[in-house]
Structure formats: C-alpha cells, structure tokens
PDB file of N, CA and C in Angstrom:
ATOM      1  N   MET A   1     107.761 109.444  86.287  1.00  0.00           N
ATOM      2  CA  MET A   1     108.067 108.167  85.658  1.00  0.00           C
ATOM      3  C   MET A   1     106.856 107.694  84.856  1.00  0.00           C
ATOM      4  N   ILE A   2     107.092 107.291  83.645  1.00  0.00           N
ATOM      5  CA  ILE A   2     106.027 106.798  82.776  1.00  0.00           C
ATOM      6  C   ILE A   2     106.056 105.278  82.808  1.00  0.00           C
ATOM      7  N   LEU A   3     104.916 104.696  83.149  1.00  0.00           N
ATOM      8  CA  LEU A   3     104.800 103.237  83.232  1.00  0.00           C
ATOM      9  C   LEU A   3     103.919 102.730  82.104  1.00  0.00           C
ATOM     10  N   SER A   4     104.294 101.600  81.561  1.00  0.00           N
ATOM     11  CA  SER A   4     103.464 100.979  80.525  1.00  0.00           C
ATOM     12  C   SER A   4     102.256 100.320  81.193  1.00  0.00           C
ATOM     13  N   ASP A   5     101.266  99.992  80.388  1.00  0.00           N
ATOM     14  CA  ASP A   5     100.093  99.286  80.916  1.00  0.00           C
ATOM     15  C   ASP A   5     100.501  97.949  81.536  1.00  0.00           C
ATOM     16  N   LYS A   6     101.461  97.296  80.911  1.00  0.00           N
ATOM     17  CA  LYS A   6     101.961  96.015  81.435  1.00  0.00           C
ATOM     18  C   LYS A   6     102.591  96.204  82.815  1.00  0.00           C
ATOM     19  N   ASP A   7     103.383  97.271  82.980  1.00  0.00           N
ATOM     20  CA  ASP A   7     104.000  97.560  84.272  1.00  0.00           C
ATOM     21  C   ASP A   7     102.946  97.879  85.330  1.00  0.00           C
ATOM     22  N   ILE A   8     101.974  98.678  84.964  1.00  0.00           N
ATOM     23  CA  ILE A   8     100.905  99.034  85.904  1.00  0.00           C
ATOM     24  C   ILE A   8     100.154  97.790  86.344  1.00  0.00           C
ATOM     25  N   ASN A   9      99.838  96.918  85.400  1.00  0.00           N
ATOM     26  CA  ASN A   9      99.142  95.674  85.739  1.00  0.00           C
ATOM     27  C   ASN A   9      99.984  94.820  86.683  1.00  0.00           C
ATOM     28  N   ARG A  10     101.279  94.755  86.435  1.00  0.00           N
ATOM     29  CA  ARG A  10     102.165  93.960  87.294  1.00  0.00           C
ATOM     30  C   ARG A  10     102.267  94.570  88.688  1.00  0.00           C
ATOM     31  N   ILE A  11     102.340  95.888  88.781  1.00  0.00           N
ATOM     32  CA  ILE A  11     102.396  96.549  90.086  1.00  0.00           C
ATOM     33  C   ILE A  11     101.116  96.281  90.878  1.00  0.00           C
ATOM     34  N   ILE A  12      99.986  96.353  90.219  1.00  0.00           N
ATOM     35  CA  ILE A  12      98.709  96.059  90.877  1.00  0.00           C
ATOM     36  C   ILE A  12      98.693  94.613  91.358  1.00  0.00           C
ATOM     37  N   GLU A  13      99.135  93.713  90.513  1.00  0.00           N
ATOM     38  CA  GLU A  13      99.189  92.298  90.882  1.00  0.00           C
ATOM     39  C   GLU A  13     100.102  92.100  92.097  1.00  0.00           C
ATOM     40  N   MET A  14     101.280  92.689  92.067  1.00  0.00           N
ATOM     41  CA  MET A  14     102.226  92.550  93.178  1.00  0.00           C
ATOM     42  C   MET A  14     101.666  93.188  94.451  1.00  0.00           C
ATOM     43  N   SER A  15     100.934  94.270  94.305  1.00  0.00           N
ATOM     44  CA  SER A  15     100.358  94.955  95.456  1.00  0.00           C
ATOM     45  C   SER A  15      99.300  94.110  96.143  1.00  0.00           C
ATOM     46  N   TRP A  16      98.560  93.332  95.377  1.00  0.00           N
ATOM     47  CA  TRP A  16      97.531  92.470  95.952  1.00  0.00           C
ATOM     48  C   TRP A  16      98.126  91.212  96.599  1.00  0.00           C
ATOM     49  N   GLU A  17      99.318  90.826  96.176  1.00  0.00           N
ATOM     50  CA  GLU A  17      99.948  89.622  96.731  1.00  0.00           C
ATOM     51  C   GLU A  17     100.402  89.901  98.163  1.00  0.00           C
ATOM     52  N   ASP A  18      99.986  89.063  99.092  1.00  0.00           N
ATOM     53  CA  ASP A  18     100.325  89.265 100.496  1.00  0.00           C
ATOM     54  C   ASP A  18     101.816  89.126 100.767  1.00  0.00           C
ATOM     55  N   ARG A  19     102.479  88.216 100.094  1.00  0.00           N
ATOM     56  CA  ARG A  19     103.894  87.963 100.382  1.00  0.00           C
ATOM     57  C   ARG A  19     104.845  88.926  99.688  1.00  0.00           C
ATOM     58  N   THR A  20     104.348  89.765  98.825  1.00  0.00           N
ATOM     59  CA  THR A  20     105.217  90.688  98.099  1.00  0.00           C
ATOM     60  C   THR A  20     105.273  92.023  98.844  1.00  0.00           C
ATOM     61  N   PRO A  21     106.408  92.340  99.456  1.00  0.00           N
ATOM     62  CA  PRO A  21     106.508  93.607 100.191  1.00  0.00           C
ATOM     63  C   PRO A  21     106.678  94.790  99.239  1.00  0.00           C
ATOM     64  N   PHE A  22     106.431  95.959  99.770  1.00  0.00           N
ATOM     65  CA  PHE A  22     106.605  97.177  98.974  1.00  0.00           C
ATOM     66  C   PHE A  22     108.052  97.333  98.522  1.00  0.00           C
ATOM     67  N   ASP A  23     108.991  96.779  99.291  1.00  0.00           N
ATOM     68  CA  ASP A  23     110.408  96.849  98.906  1.00  0.00           C
ATOM     69  C   ASP A  23     110.655  96.164  97.560  1.00  0.00           C
ATOM     70  N   ALA A  24     109.940  95.076  97.301  1.00  0.00           N
ATOM     71  CA  ALA A  24     110.094  94.360  96.030  1.00  0.00           C
ATOM     72  C   ALA A  24     109.591  95.221  94.871  1.00  0.00           C
ATOM     73  N   ILE A  25     108.485  95.919  95.105  1.00  0.00           N
ATOM     74  CA  ILE A  25     107.955  96.809  94.065  1.00  0.00           C
ATOM     75  C   ILE A  25     108.930  97.952  93.824  1.00  0.00           C
ATOM     76  N   PHE A  26     109.522  98.463  94.898  1.00  0.00           N
ATOM     77  CA  PHE A  26     110.507  99.539  94.749  1.00  0.00           C
ATOM     78  C   PHE A  26     111.723  99.056  93.966  1.00  0.00           C
ATOM     79  N   MET A  27     112.203  97.851  94.288  1.00  0.00           N
ATOM     80  CA  MET A  27     113.384  97.320  93.597  1.00  0.00           C
ATOM     81  C   MET A  27     113.136  97.156  92.101  1.00  0.00           C
ATOM     82  N   GLN A  28     111.937  96.732  91.748  1.00  0.00           N
ATOM     83  CA  GLN A  28     111.657  96.462  90.340  1.00  0.00           C
ATOM     84  C   GLN A  28     111.184  97.690  89.564  1.00  0.00           C
ATOM     85  N   PHE A  29     110.371  98.537  90.217  1.00  0.00           N
ATOM     86  CA  PHE A  29     109.752  99.644  89.484  1.00  0.00           C
ATOM     87  C   PHE A  29     110.137 101.026  90.019  1.00  0.00           C
ATOM     88  N   ASN A  30     110.939 101.064  91.072  1.00  0.00           N
ATOM     89  CA  ASN A  30     111.398 102.319  91.662  1.00  0.00           C
ATOM     90  C   ASN A  30     110.234 103.187  92.154  1.00  0.00           C
ATOM     91  N   LEU A  31     109.198 102.535  92.712  1.00  0.00           N
ATOM     92  CA  LEU A  31     108.050 103.237  93.285  1.00  0.00           C
ATOM     93  C   LEU A  31     108.033 103.019  94.789  1.00  0.00           C
ATOM     94  N   ARG A  32     107.968 104.113  95.545  1.00  0.00           N
ATOM     95  CA  ARG A  32     107.861 104.018  96.997  1.00  0.00           C
ATOM     96  C   ARG A  32     106.447 103.592  97.380  1.00  0.00           C
ATOM     97  N   GLU A  33     106.271 103.223  98.640  1.00  0.00           N
ATOM     98  CA  GLU A  33     104.967 102.774  99.121  1.00  0.00           C
ATOM     99  C   GLU A  33     103.887 103.822  98.870  1.00  0.00           C
ATOM    100  N   ASP A  34     104.161 105.072  99.157  1.00  0.00           N
ATOM    101  CA  ASP A  34     103.153 106.117  98.945  1.00  0.00           C
ATOM    102  C   ASP A  34     102.798 106.268  97.460  1.00  0.00           C
ATOM    103  N   GLN A  35     103.762 106.047  96.586  1.00  0.00           N
ATOM    104  CA  GLN A  35     103.495 106.123  95.148  1.00  0.00           C
ATOM    105  C   GLN A  35     102.653 104.936  94.685  1.00  0.00           C
ATOM    106  N   VAL A  36     102.894 103.763  95.295  1.00  0.00           N
ATOM    107  CA  VAL A  36     102.087 102.580  94.972  1.00  0.00           C
ATOM    108  C   VAL A  36     100.651 102.820  95.411  1.00  0.00           C
ATOM    109  N   LYS A  37     100.474 103.367  96.602  1.00  0.00           N
ATOM    110  CA  LYS A  37      99.124 103.666  97.096  1.00  0.00           C
ATOM    111  C   LYS A  37      98.414 104.655  96.177  1.00  0.00           C
ATOM    112  N   GLU A  38      99.136 105.645  95.728  1.00  0.00           N
ATOM    113  CA  GLU A  38      98.570 106.637  94.807  1.00  0.00           C
ATOM    114  C   GLU A  38      98.162 105.976  93.487  1.00  0.00           C
ATOM    115  N   LEU A  39      99.020 105.115  92.962  1.00  0.00           N
ATOM    116  CA  LEU A  39      98.724 104.404  91.717  1.00  0.00           C
ATOM    117  C   LEU A  39      97.497 103.506  91.892  1.00  0.00           C
ATOM    118  N   MET A  40      97.433 102.802  93.015  1.00  0.00           N
ATOM    119  CA  MET A  40      96.300 101.911  93.269  1.00  0.00           C
ATOM    120  C   MET A  40      94.999 102.723  93.357  1.00  0.00           C
ATOM    121  N   LYS A  41      95.062 103.858  94.012  1.00  0.00           N
ATOM    122  CA  LYS A  41      93.870 104.697  94.148  1.00  0.00           C
ATOM    123  C   LYS A  41      93.389 105.177  92.783  1.00  0.00           C
ATOM    124  N   LYS A  42      94.342 105.493  91.924  1.00  0.00           N
ATOM    125  CA  LYS A  42      94.012 105.989  90.583  1.00  0.00           C
ATOM    126  C   LYS A  42      93.462 104.874  89.684  1.00  0.00           C
ATOM    127  N   GLU A  43      94.036 103.673  89.795  1.00  0.00           N
ATOM    128  CA  GLU A  43      93.727 102.596  88.851  1.00  0.00           C
ATOM    129  C   GLU A  43      92.558 101.704  89.279  1.00  0.00           C
ATOM    130  N   LEU A  44      92.284 101.614  90.565  1.00  0.00           N
ATOM    131  CA  LEU A  44      91.223 100.725  91.045  1.00  0.00           C
ATOM    132  C   LEU A  44      89.922 101.486  91.253  1.00  0.00           C
ATOM    133  N   LYS A  45      88.817 100.744  91.244  1.00  0.00           N
ATOM    134  CA  LYS A  45      87.551 101.335  91.665  1.00  0.00           C
ATOM    135  C   LYS A  45      87.705 101.690  93.140  1.00  0.00           C
ATOM    136  N   PHE A  46      86.962 102.678  93.601  1.00  0.00           N
ATOM    137  CA  PHE A  46      87.107 103.133  94.984  1.00  0.00           C
ATOM    138  C   PHE A  46      86.865 102.001  95.983  1.00  0.00           C
ATOM    139  N   SER A  47      85.851 101.178  95.746  1.00  0.00           N
ATOM    140  CA  SER A  47      85.556 100.079  96.670  1.00  0.00           C
ATOM    141  C   SER A  47      86.704  99.060  96.704  1.00  0.00           C
ATOM    142  N   SER A  48      87.306  98.792  95.555  1.00  0.00           N
ATOM    143  CA  SER A  48      88.448  97.874  95.499  1.00  0.00           C
ATOM    144  C   SER A  48      89.655  98.479  96.203  1.00  0.00           C
ATOM    145  N   TYR A  49      89.844  99.768  96.019  1.00  0.00           N
ATOM    146  CA  TYR A  49      90.954 100.449  96.691  1.00  0.00           C
ATOM    147  C   TYR A  49      90.781 100.380  98.205  1.00  0.00           C
ATOM    148  N   LYS A  50      89.569 100.598  98.693  1.00  0.00           N
ATOM    149  CA  LYS A  50      89.306 100.520 100.137  1.00  0.00           C
ATOM    150  C   LYS A  50      89.612  99.124 100.672  1.00  0.00           C
ATOM    151  N   LEU A  51      89.183  98.101  99.950  1.00  0.00           N
ATOM    152  CA  LEU A  51      89.464  96.719 100.354  1.00  0.00           C
ATOM    153  C   LEU A  51      90.965  96.450 100.375  1.00  0.00           C
ATOM    154  N   TRP A  52      91.656  96.929  99.348  1.00  0.00           N
ATOM    155  CA  TRP A  52      93.105  96.726  99.279  1.00  0.00           C
ATOM    156  C   TRP A  52      93.809  97.426 100.431  1.00  0.00           C
ATOM    157  N   ARG A  53      93.432  98.680 100.709  1.00  0.00           N
ATOM    158  CA  ARG A  53      94.066  99.428 101.798  1.00  0.00           C
ATOM    159  C   ARG A  53      93.860  98.731 103.145  1.00  0.00           C
ATOM    160  N   GLU A  54      92.657  98.248 103.370  1.00  0.00           N
ATOM    161  CA  GLU A  54      92.375  97.531 104.614  1.00  0.00           C
ATOM    162  C   GLU A  54      93.227  96.267 104.697  1.00  0.00           C
ATOM    163  N   ARG A  55      93.333  95.586 103.591  1.00  0.00           N
ATOM    164  CA  ARG A  55      94.139  94.365 103.542  1.00  0.00           C
ATOM    165  C   ARG A  55      95.616  94.664 103.814  1.00  0.00           C
ATOM    166  N   VAL A  56      96.142  95.701 103.204  1.00  0.00           N
ATOM    167  CA  VAL A  56      97.548  96.072 103.380  1.00  0.00           C
ATOM    168  C   VAL A  56      97.831  96.468 104.830  1.00  0.00           C
ATOM    169  N   GLU A  57      96.930  97.223 105.417  1.00  0.00           N
ATOM    170  CA  GLU A  57      97.130  97.665 106.797  1.00  0.00           C
ATOM    171  C   GLU A  57      97.159  96.495 107.772  1.00  0.00           C
ATOM    172  N   ASN A  58      96.449  95.430 107.454  1.00  0.00           N
ATOM    173  CA  ASN A  58      96.383  94.271 108.347  1.00  0.00           C
ATOM    174  C   ASN A  58      97.348  93.157 107.960  1.00  0.00           C
ATOM    175  N   CYS A  59      98.155  93.392 106.949  1.00  0.00           N
ATOM    176  CA  CYS A  59      99.052  92.355 106.436  1.00  0.00           C
ATOM    177  C   CYS A  59     100.490  92.647 106.855  1.00  0.00           C
ATOM    178  N   LYS A  60     101.050  91.807 107.700  1.00  0.00           N
ATOM    179  CA  LYS A  60     102.399  92.033 108.210  1.00  0.00           C
ATOM    180  C   LYS A  60     103.483  91.670 107.199  1.00  0.00           C
ATOM    181  N   THR A  61     103.150  90.990 106.144  1.00  0.00           N
ATOM    182  CA  THR A  61     104.167  90.591 105.169  1.00  0.00           C
ATOM    183  C   THR A  61     104.412  91.664 104.105  1.00  0.00           C
ATOM    184  N   LYS A  62     103.600  92.708 104.058  1.00  0.00           N
ATOM    185  CA  LYS A  62     103.781  93.763 103.054  1.00  0.00           C
ATOM    186  C   LYS A  62     104.900  94.723 103.433  1.00  0.00           C
ATOM    187  N   HIS A  63     105.283  94.734 104.694  1.00  0.00           N
ATOM    188  CA  HIS A  63     106.315  95.650 105.174  1.00  0.00           C
ATOM    189  C   HIS A  63     107.492  94.839 105.692  1.00  0.00           C
ATOM    190  N   GLN A  64     108.606  94.970 105.031  1.00  0.00           N
ATOM    191  CA  GLN A  64     109.800  94.180 105.325  1.00  0.00           C
ATOM    192  C   GLN A  64     110.207  94.266 106.798  1.00  0.00           C
ATOM    193  N   LYS A  65     110.067  95.428 107.408  1.00  0.00           N
ATOM    194  CA  LYS A  65     110.520  95.629 108.782  1.00  0.00           C
ATOM    195  C   LYS A  65     109.689  94.864 109.803  1.00  0.00           C
ATOM    196  N   ILE A  66     108.415  94.635 109.521  1.00  0.00           N
ATOM    197  CA  ILE A  66     107.568  93.956 110.498  1.00  0.00           C
ATOM    198  C   ILE A  66     107.227  92.518 110.114  1.00  0.00           C
ATOM    199  N   ARG A  67     107.746  92.052 109.003  1.00  0.00           N
ATOM    200  CA  ARG A  67     107.416  90.687 108.597  1.00  0.00           C
ATOM    201  C   ARG A  67     108.271  89.679 109.349  1.00  0.00           C
ATOM    202  N   ASN A  68     107.813  88.472 109.415  1.00  0.00           N
ATOM    203  CA  ASN A  68     108.497  87.388 110.103  1.00  0.00           C
ATOM    204  C   ASN A  68     109.900  87.207 109.514  1.00  0.00           C
ATOM    205  N   LYS A  69     110.885  87.113 110.371  1.00  0.00           N
ATOM    206  CA  LYS A  69     112.286  87.003 109.916  1.00  0.00           C
ATOM    207  C   LYS A  69     112.554  85.704 109.152  1.00  0.00           C
ATOM    208  N   GLU A  70     111.691  84.704 109.328  1.00  0.00           N
ATOM    209  CA  GLU A  70     111.859  83.435 108.615  1.00  0.00           C
ATOM    210  C   GLU A  70     111.527  83.560 107.136  1.00  0.00           C
ATOM    211  N   ILE A  71     110.780  84.587 106.771  1.00  0.00           N
ATOM    212  CA  ILE A  71     110.442  84.812 105.362  1.00  0.00           C
ATOM    213  C   ILE A  71     111.557  85.673 104.781  1.00  0.00           C
ATOM    214  N   ASN A  72     112.436  85.064 104.015  1.00  0.00           N
ATOM    215  CA  ASN A  72     113.595  85.799 103.513  1.00  0.00           C
ATOM    216  C   ASN A  72     113.561  85.989 101.998  1.00  0.00           C
ATOM    217  N   ARG A  73     112.408  85.784 101.392  1.00  0.00           N
ATOM    218  CA  ARG A  73     112.274  86.026  99.959  1.00  0.00           C
ATOM    219  C   ARG A  73     110.903  86.623  99.714  1.00  0.00           C
ATOM    220  N   PHE A  74     110.730  87.227  98.567  1.00  0.00           N
ATOM    221  CA  PHE A  74     109.440  87.830  98.272  1.00  0.00           C
ATOM    222  C   PHE A  74     108.905  87.441  96.905  1.00  0.00           C
ATOM    223  N   LYS A  75     109.383  86.332  96.400  1.00  0.00           N
ATOM    224  CA  LYS A  75     108.809  85.847  95.151  1.00  0.00           C
ATOM    225  C   LYS A  75     108.861  84.332  95.120  1.00  0.00           C
ATOM    226  N   CYS A  76     107.896  83.764  94.451  1.00  0.00           N
ATOM    227  CA  CYS A  76     107.896  82.320  94.337  1.00  0.00           C
ATOM    228  C   CYS A  76     108.855  81.896  93.227  1.00  0.00           C
ATOM    229  N   LYS A  77     109.202  80.641  93.193  1.00  0.00           N
ATOM    230  CA  LYS A  77     110.146  80.122  92.206  1.00  0.00           C
ATOM    231  C   LYS A  77     109.609  80.237  90.780  1.00  0.00           C
ATOM    232  N   LEU A  78     108.291  80.253  90.649  1.00  0.00           N
ATOM    233  CA  LEU A  78     107.677  80.297  89.318  1.00  0.00           C
ATOM    234  C   LEU A  78     107.411  81.711  88.827  1.00  0.00           C
ATOM    235  N   GLN A  79     107.647  82.726  89.658  1.00  0.00           N
ATOM    236  CA  GLN A  79     107.260  84.082  89.303  1.00  0.00           C
ATOM    237  C   GLN A  79     107.974  84.612  88.068  1.00  0.00           C
ATOM    238  N   ARG A  80     109.257  84.386  87.939  1.00  0.00           N
ATOM    239  CA  ARG A  80     110.001  84.936  86.799  1.00  0.00           C
ATOM    240  C   ARG A  80     109.466  84.438  85.454  1.00  0.00           C
ATOM    241  N   PRO A  81     109.279  83.116  85.280  1.00  0.00           N
ATOM    242  CA  PRO A  81     108.743  82.680  83.983  1.00  0.00           C
ATOM    243  C   PRO A  81     107.316  83.180  83.728  1.00  0.00           C
ATOM    244  N   ILE A  82     106.550  83.363  84.792  1.00  0.00           N
ATOM    245  CA  ILE A  82     105.175  83.802  84.622  1.00  0.00           C
ATOM    246  C   ILE A  82     105.125  85.275  84.256  1.00  0.00           C
ATOM    247  N   SER A  83     105.894  86.110  84.953  1.00  0.00           N
ATOM    248  CA  SER A  83     105.749  87.555  84.799  1.00  0.00           C
ATOM    249  C   SER A  83     106.963  88.256  84.210  1.00  0.00           C
ATOM    250  N   ASN A  84     108.002  87.502  83.866  1.00  0.00           N
ATOM    251  CA  ASN A  84     109.253  88.105  83.400  1.00  0.00           C
ATOM    252  C   ASN A  84     109.802  89.098  84.413  1.00  0.00           C
ATOM    253  N   ASN A  85     109.677  88.738  85.685  1.00  0.00           N
ATOM    254  CA  ASN A  85     110.135  89.585  86.780  1.00  0.00           C
ATOM    255  C   ASN A  85     111.616  89.864  86.620  1.00  0.00           C
ATOM    256  N   LYS A  86     112.016  91.119  86.788  1.00  0.00           N
ATOM    257  CA  LYS A  86     113.408  91.525  86.605  1.00  0.00           C
ATOM    258  C   LYS A  86     114.283  91.236  87.819  1.00  0.00           C
ATOM    259  N   ILE A  87     113.673  90.875  88.929  1.00  0.00           N
ATOM    260  CA  ILE A  87     114.447  90.630  90.144  1.00  0.00           C
ATOM    261  C   ILE A  87     115.052  89.241  90.063  1.00  0.00           C
ATOM    262  N   SER A  88     116.355  89.164  90.170  1.00  0.00           N
ATOM    263  CA  SER A  88     117.017  87.869  90.062  1.00  0.00           C
ATOM    264  C   SER A  88     116.976  87.118  91.388  1.00  0.00           C
ATOM    265  N   LYS A  89     117.136  85.804  91.313  1.00  0.00           N
ATOM    266  CA  LYS A  89     117.201  85.000  92.524  1.00  0.00           C
ATOM    267  C   LYS A  89     118.506  85.319  93.252  1.00  0.00           C
ATOM    268  N   ARG A  90     118.440  85.261  94.552  1.00  0.00           N
ATOM    269  CA  ARG A  90     119.632  85.547  95.346  1.00  0.00           C
ATOM    270  C   ARG A  90     120.143  84.301  95.991  1.00  0.00           C
TER     271      ARG A  90
END
C-alpha cells in the first residue's frame, strides 16, 4: 500500500494519541497494529520510537479489547474538521 505524506503524518498523529486505538487506524488506513509499528519505526527517530513503544505498551486505551467499556468512541467531536477524518460519526 502506498501512503501519501499526509496519510503518514496522520497515522503518526493518531498513533501518538492515547485515546485512538489501533482499530481506528485500521478502519481508516487499512493498517494492522504490526504495520503501524513498522511505519513508526521507519518514520521516527529511534529514541522517539522507543518512547512511543513504551507509551503504547502501558496505554490501555490503544487496544480496543482491554480498554474501559465506558469509552465507546475513538475520536473527538472536532477531529473531522481538523483532519478530514474519513470515519463517520456513529
């Protein structure tokens, strides 16, 4: 899959957001968690990648299966106008 620079930047942004699970990235960009990790490793400096990986491993909201059941959305109300997110409100 070929991603534009804009898409790569958005994936990186979504990956750093604690409330955005990998499922949201998959829905929008069709990238699995392992592919996101690979992209992050390629695009970030090694020290930034290490920080991100540590953060992801300790963040329960990045994985839909282990996140709090009360959190039933993965985007803020303002996200679409800001980023032209393709995921519609449910």
